[in-house]
Amino acid sequence: MSIDEQEQSIDFSVNKKNLYREDSITDLNVASIRRLIPVNIDGSEDKSRTPLYFGHTQLMSPQGPIPIHARLTANNLEEAIDQFPQAMSLALDEMMEKIMKLQEEEQKKKDSRIIVPGR
């Protein structure tokens, strides 16, 4: 497929019924919470839809910062703040589990390349 064909197959249309305005809330320490506020096509707040909340933080490692993020199932900012610690902890646990699985798979690949004389 040529680049022109690829560009023609990409849909860049905007879903006018799913628009959000973004607010960022932080404690300047650990927590960063994104609040996505539903809006109408004219930019006014769409009261018929519920805002969405996402938590973000990062941990420092010898290789640099590691971003951690998770959806917060909150109805308001206070609930999002209350959910933040547990959501980040769960996201970290999931990330560590994935890293361990990837390391195990990589080790299996390395082990399968070892040639043992006489076998």
C-alpha atoms as a PDB file:
ATOM      1  CA  MET A   1       0.000   0.000   0.000  1.00  0.00           C
ATOM      2  CA  SER A   2       1.473   3.358  -0.998  1.00  0.00           C
ATOM      3  CA  ILE A   3       1.635   6.349   1.333  1.00  0.00           C
ATOM      4  CA  ASP A   4      -1.113   8.075  -0.668  1.00  0.00           C
ATOM      5  CA  GLU A   5      -3.367   5.017  -0.269  1.00  0.00           C
ATOM      6  CA  GLN A   6      -2.624   4.873   3.471  1.00  0.00           C
ATOM      7  CA  GLU A   7      -3.491   8.558   3.892  1.00  0.00           C
ATOM      8  CA  GLN A   8      -6.749   8.050   2.033  1.00  0.00           C
ATOM      9  CA  SER A   9      -7.715   5.094   4.265  1.00  0.00           C
ATOM     10  CA  ILE A  10      -7.214   7.010   7.549  1.00  0.00           C
ATOM     11  CA  ASP A  11     -10.406   8.504   8.947  1.00  0.00           C
ATOM     12  CA  PHE A  12      -9.644  11.945  10.411  1.00  0.00           C
ATOM     13  CA  SER A  13     -13.274  12.898  11.010  1.00  0.00           C
ATOM     14  CA  VAL A  14     -14.181  14.298  14.440  1.00  0.00           C
ATOM     15  CA  ASN A  15     -17.037  12.752  16.411  1.00  0.00           C
ATOM     16  CA  LYS A  16     -19.024  15.915  17.141  1.00  0.00           C
ATOM     17  CA  LYS A  17     -21.167  14.099  19.718  1.00  0.00           C
ATOM     18  CA  ASN A  18     -18.176  13.014  21.836  1.00  0.00           C
ATOM     19  CA  LEU A  19     -16.319  16.247  22.579  1.00  0.00           C
ATOM     20  CA  TYR A  20     -14.549  17.025  25.867  1.00  0.00           C
ATOM     21  CA  ARG A  21     -12.724  19.958  27.442  1.00  0.00           C
ATOM     22  CA  GLU A  22      -9.751  19.000  29.580  1.00  0.00           C
ATOM     23  CA  ASP A  23      -8.891  20.329  33.043  1.00  0.00           C
ATOM     24  CA  SER A  24      -5.699  19.372  34.836  1.00  0.00           C
ATOM     25  CA  ILE A  25      -5.581  19.216  38.629  1.00  0.00           C
ATOM     26  CA  THR A  26      -2.374  18.560  40.560  1.00  0.00           C
ATOM     27  CA  ASP A  27      -1.040  18.658  44.108  1.00  0.00           C
ATOM     28  CA  LEU A  28       2.432  19.583  42.723  1.00  0.00           C
ATOM     29  CA  ASN A  29       3.766  16.520  44.517  1.00  0.00           C
ATOM     30  CA  VAL A  30       2.491  13.143  43.307  1.00  0.00           C
ATOM     31  CA  ALA A  31      -0.980  13.446  41.886  1.00  0.00           C
ATOM     32  CA  SER A  32      -2.067  14.659  38.492  1.00  0.00           C
ATOM     33  CA  ILE A  33      -5.730  14.219  37.622  1.00  0.00           C
ATOM     34  CA  ARG A  34      -7.210  14.941  34.216  1.00  0.00           C
ATOM     35  CA  ARG A  35     -10.881  15.827  34.213  1.00  0.00           C
ATOM     36  CA  LEU A  36     -12.549  15.559  30.812  1.00  0.00           C
ATOM     37  CA  ILE A  37     -15.700  17.658  30.806  1.00  0.00           C
ATOM     38  CA  PRO A  38     -18.259  16.814  28.091  1.00  0.00           C
ATOM     39  CA  VAL A  39     -19.052  19.741  25.808  1.00  0.00           C
ATOM     40  CA  ASN A  40     -21.475  20.441  22.988  1.00  0.00           C
ATOM     41  CA  ILE A  41     -20.364  21.465  19.514  1.00  0.00           C
ATOM     42  CA  ASP A  42     -20.634  25.143  20.550  1.00  0.00           C
ATOM     43  CA  GLY A  43     -18.235  24.562  23.488  1.00  0.00           C
ATOM     44  CA  SER A  44     -20.908  24.789  26.186  1.00  0.00           C
ATOM     45  CA  GLU A  45     -20.878  22.116  28.901  1.00  0.00           C
ATOM     46  CA  ASP A  46     -23.001  19.063  28.060  1.00  0.00           C
ATOM     47  CA  LYS A  47     -24.800  18.369  31.369  1.00  0.00           C
ATOM     48  CA  SER A  48     -26.348  15.158  29.995  1.00  0.00           C
ATOM     49  CA  ARG A  49     -22.963  13.375  30.134  1.00  0.00           C
ATOM     50  CA  THR A  50     -20.690  12.672  33.099  1.00  0.00           C
ATOM     51  CA  PRO A  51     -17.122  13.996  33.280  1.00  0.00           C
ATOM     52  CA  LEU A  52     -14.311  11.442  32.979  1.00  0.00           C
ATOM     53  CA  TYR A  53     -11.345  11.307  35.366  1.00  0.00           C
ATOM     54  CA  PHE A  54      -7.853   9.912  34.753  1.00  0.00           C
ATOM     55  CA  GLY A  55      -5.010   9.746  37.266  1.00  0.00           C
ATOM     56  CA  HIS A  56      -1.358  10.151  36.289  1.00  0.00           C
ATOM     57  CA  THR A  57       1.904  10.008  38.180  1.00  0.00           C
ATOM     58  CA  GLN A  58       5.450   8.884  37.547  1.00  0.00           C
ATOM     59  CA  LEU A  59       8.124   6.980  39.402  1.00  0.00           C
ATOM     60  CA  MET A  60      11.803   7.593  38.953  1.00  0.00           C
ATOM     61  CA  SER A  61      14.010   4.669  37.972  1.00  0.00           C
ATOM     62  CA  PRO A  62      17.682   4.415  36.988  1.00  0.00           C
ATOM     63  CA  GLN A  63      16.473   4.393  33.363  1.00  0.00           C
ATOM     64  CA  GLY A  64      14.369   7.541  33.858  1.00  0.00           C
ATOM     65  CA  PRO A  65      10.770   8.360  34.712  1.00  0.00           C
ATOM     66  CA  ILE A  66       8.146   5.625  34.492  1.00  0.00           C
ATOM     67  CA  PRO A  67       4.652   6.980  33.787  1.00  0.00           C
ATOM     68  CA  ILE A  68       1.698   5.383  35.557  1.00  0.00           C
ATOM     69  CA  HIS A  69      -1.887   6.176  34.657  1.00  0.00           C
ATOM     70  CA  ALA A  70      -5.356   4.788  35.266  1.00  0.00           C
ATOM     71  CA  ARG A  71      -8.998   5.616  34.754  1.00  0.00           C
ATOM     72  CA  LEU A  72     -10.681   6.820  37.923  1.00  0.00           C
ATOM     73  CA  THR A  73     -14.318   5.752  38.154  1.00  0.00           C
ATOM     74  CA  ALA A  74     -15.396   8.884  39.981  1.00  0.00           C
ATOM     75  CA  ASN A  75     -18.450  11.119  39.769  1.00  0.00           C
ATOM     76  CA  ASN A  76     -16.654  14.209  41.075  1.00  0.00           C
ATOM     77  CA  LEU A  77     -13.189  15.538  41.865  1.00  0.00           C
ATOM     78  CA  GLU A  78     -13.273  14.550  45.525  1.00  0.00           C
ATOM     79  CA  GLU A  79     -14.038  10.923  44.613  1.00  0.00           C
ATOM     80  CA  ALA A  80     -11.252  11.001  42.009  1.00  0.00           C
ATOM     81  CA  ILE A  81      -8.772  12.254  44.627  1.00  0.00           C
ATOM     82  CA  ASP A  82      -9.882   9.546  47.064  1.00  0.00           C
ATOM     83  CA  GLN A  83      -9.504   6.839  44.389  1.00  0.00           C
ATOM     84  CA  PHE A  84      -6.124   8.067  43.158  1.00  0.00           C
ATOM     85  CA  PRO A  85      -3.794   6.151  45.572  1.00  0.00           C
ATOM     86  CA  GLN A  86      -5.464   2.779  45.067  1.00  0.00           C
ATOM     87  CA  ALA A  87      -5.785   3.243  41.288  1.00  0.00           C
ATOM     88  CA  MET A  88      -2.073   4.098  40.972  1.00  0.00           C
ATOM     89  CA  SER A  89      -1.125   1.146  43.154  1.00  0.00           C
ATOM     90  CA  LEU A  90      -3.200  -1.236  41.012  1.00  0.00           C
ATOM     91  CA  ALA A  91      -1.787   0.241  37.790  1.00  0.00           C
ATOM     92  CA  LEU A  92       1.742  -0.205  39.149  1.00  0.00           C
ATOM     93  CA  ASP A  93       1.015  -3.830  40.089  1.00  0.00           C
ATOM     94  CA  GLU A  94      -0.364  -4.522  36.591  1.00  0.00           C
ATOM     95  CA  MET A  95       2.644  -2.881  34.964  1.00  0.00           C
ATOM     96  CA  MET A  96       5.090  -4.885  37.107  1.00  0.00           C
ATOM     97  CA  GLU A  97       3.244  -8.099  36.240  1.00  0.00           C
ATOM     98  CA  LYS A  98       3.508  -7.319  32.509  1.00  0.00           C
ATOM     99  CA  ILE A  99       7.203  -6.499  32.847  1.00  0.00           C
ATOM    100  CA  MET A 100       7.861  -9.780  34.645  1.00  0.00           C
ATOM    101  CA  LYS A 101       5.999 -11.736  31.934  1.00  0.00           C
ATOM    102  CA  LEU A 102       8.011  -9.987  29.227  1.00  0.00           C
ATOM    103  CA  GLN A 103      11.251 -10.760  31.079  1.00  0.00           C
ATOM    104  CA  GLU A 104      10.245 -14.416  31.417  1.00  0.00           C
ATOM    105  CA  GLU A 105       9.433 -14.629  27.705  1.00  0.00           C
ATOM    106  CA  GLU A 106      12.736 -12.976  26.814  1.00  0.00           C
ATOM    107  CA  GLN A 107      14.607 -15.404  29.074  1.00  0.00           C
ATOM    108  CA  LYS A 108      12.839 -18.369  27.434  1.00  0.00           C
ATOM    109  CA  LYS A 109      13.912 -17.071  24.025  1.00  0.00           C
ATOM    110  CA  LYS A 110      17.508 -16.748  25.224  1.00  0.00           C
ATOM    111  CA  ASP A 111      17.415 -20.227  26.795  1.00  0.00           C
ATOM    112  CA  SER A 112      16.093 -21.757  23.590  1.00  0.00           C
ATOM    113  CA  ARG A 113      19.091 -20.351  21.692  1.00  0.00           C
ATOM    114  CA  ILE A 114      21.624 -22.099  23.926  1.00  0.00           C
ATOM    115  CA  ILE A 115      23.237 -24.974  22.090  1.00  0.00           C
ATOM    116  CA  VAL A 116      24.323 -27.799  24.381  1.00  0.00           C
ATOM    117  CA  PRO A 117      27.074 -30.035  22.934  1.00  0.00           C
ATOM    118  CA  GLY A 118      26.041 -33.647  22.438  1.00  0.00           C
ATOM    119  CA  ARG A 119      22.342 -32.925  22.083  1.00  0.00           C
END
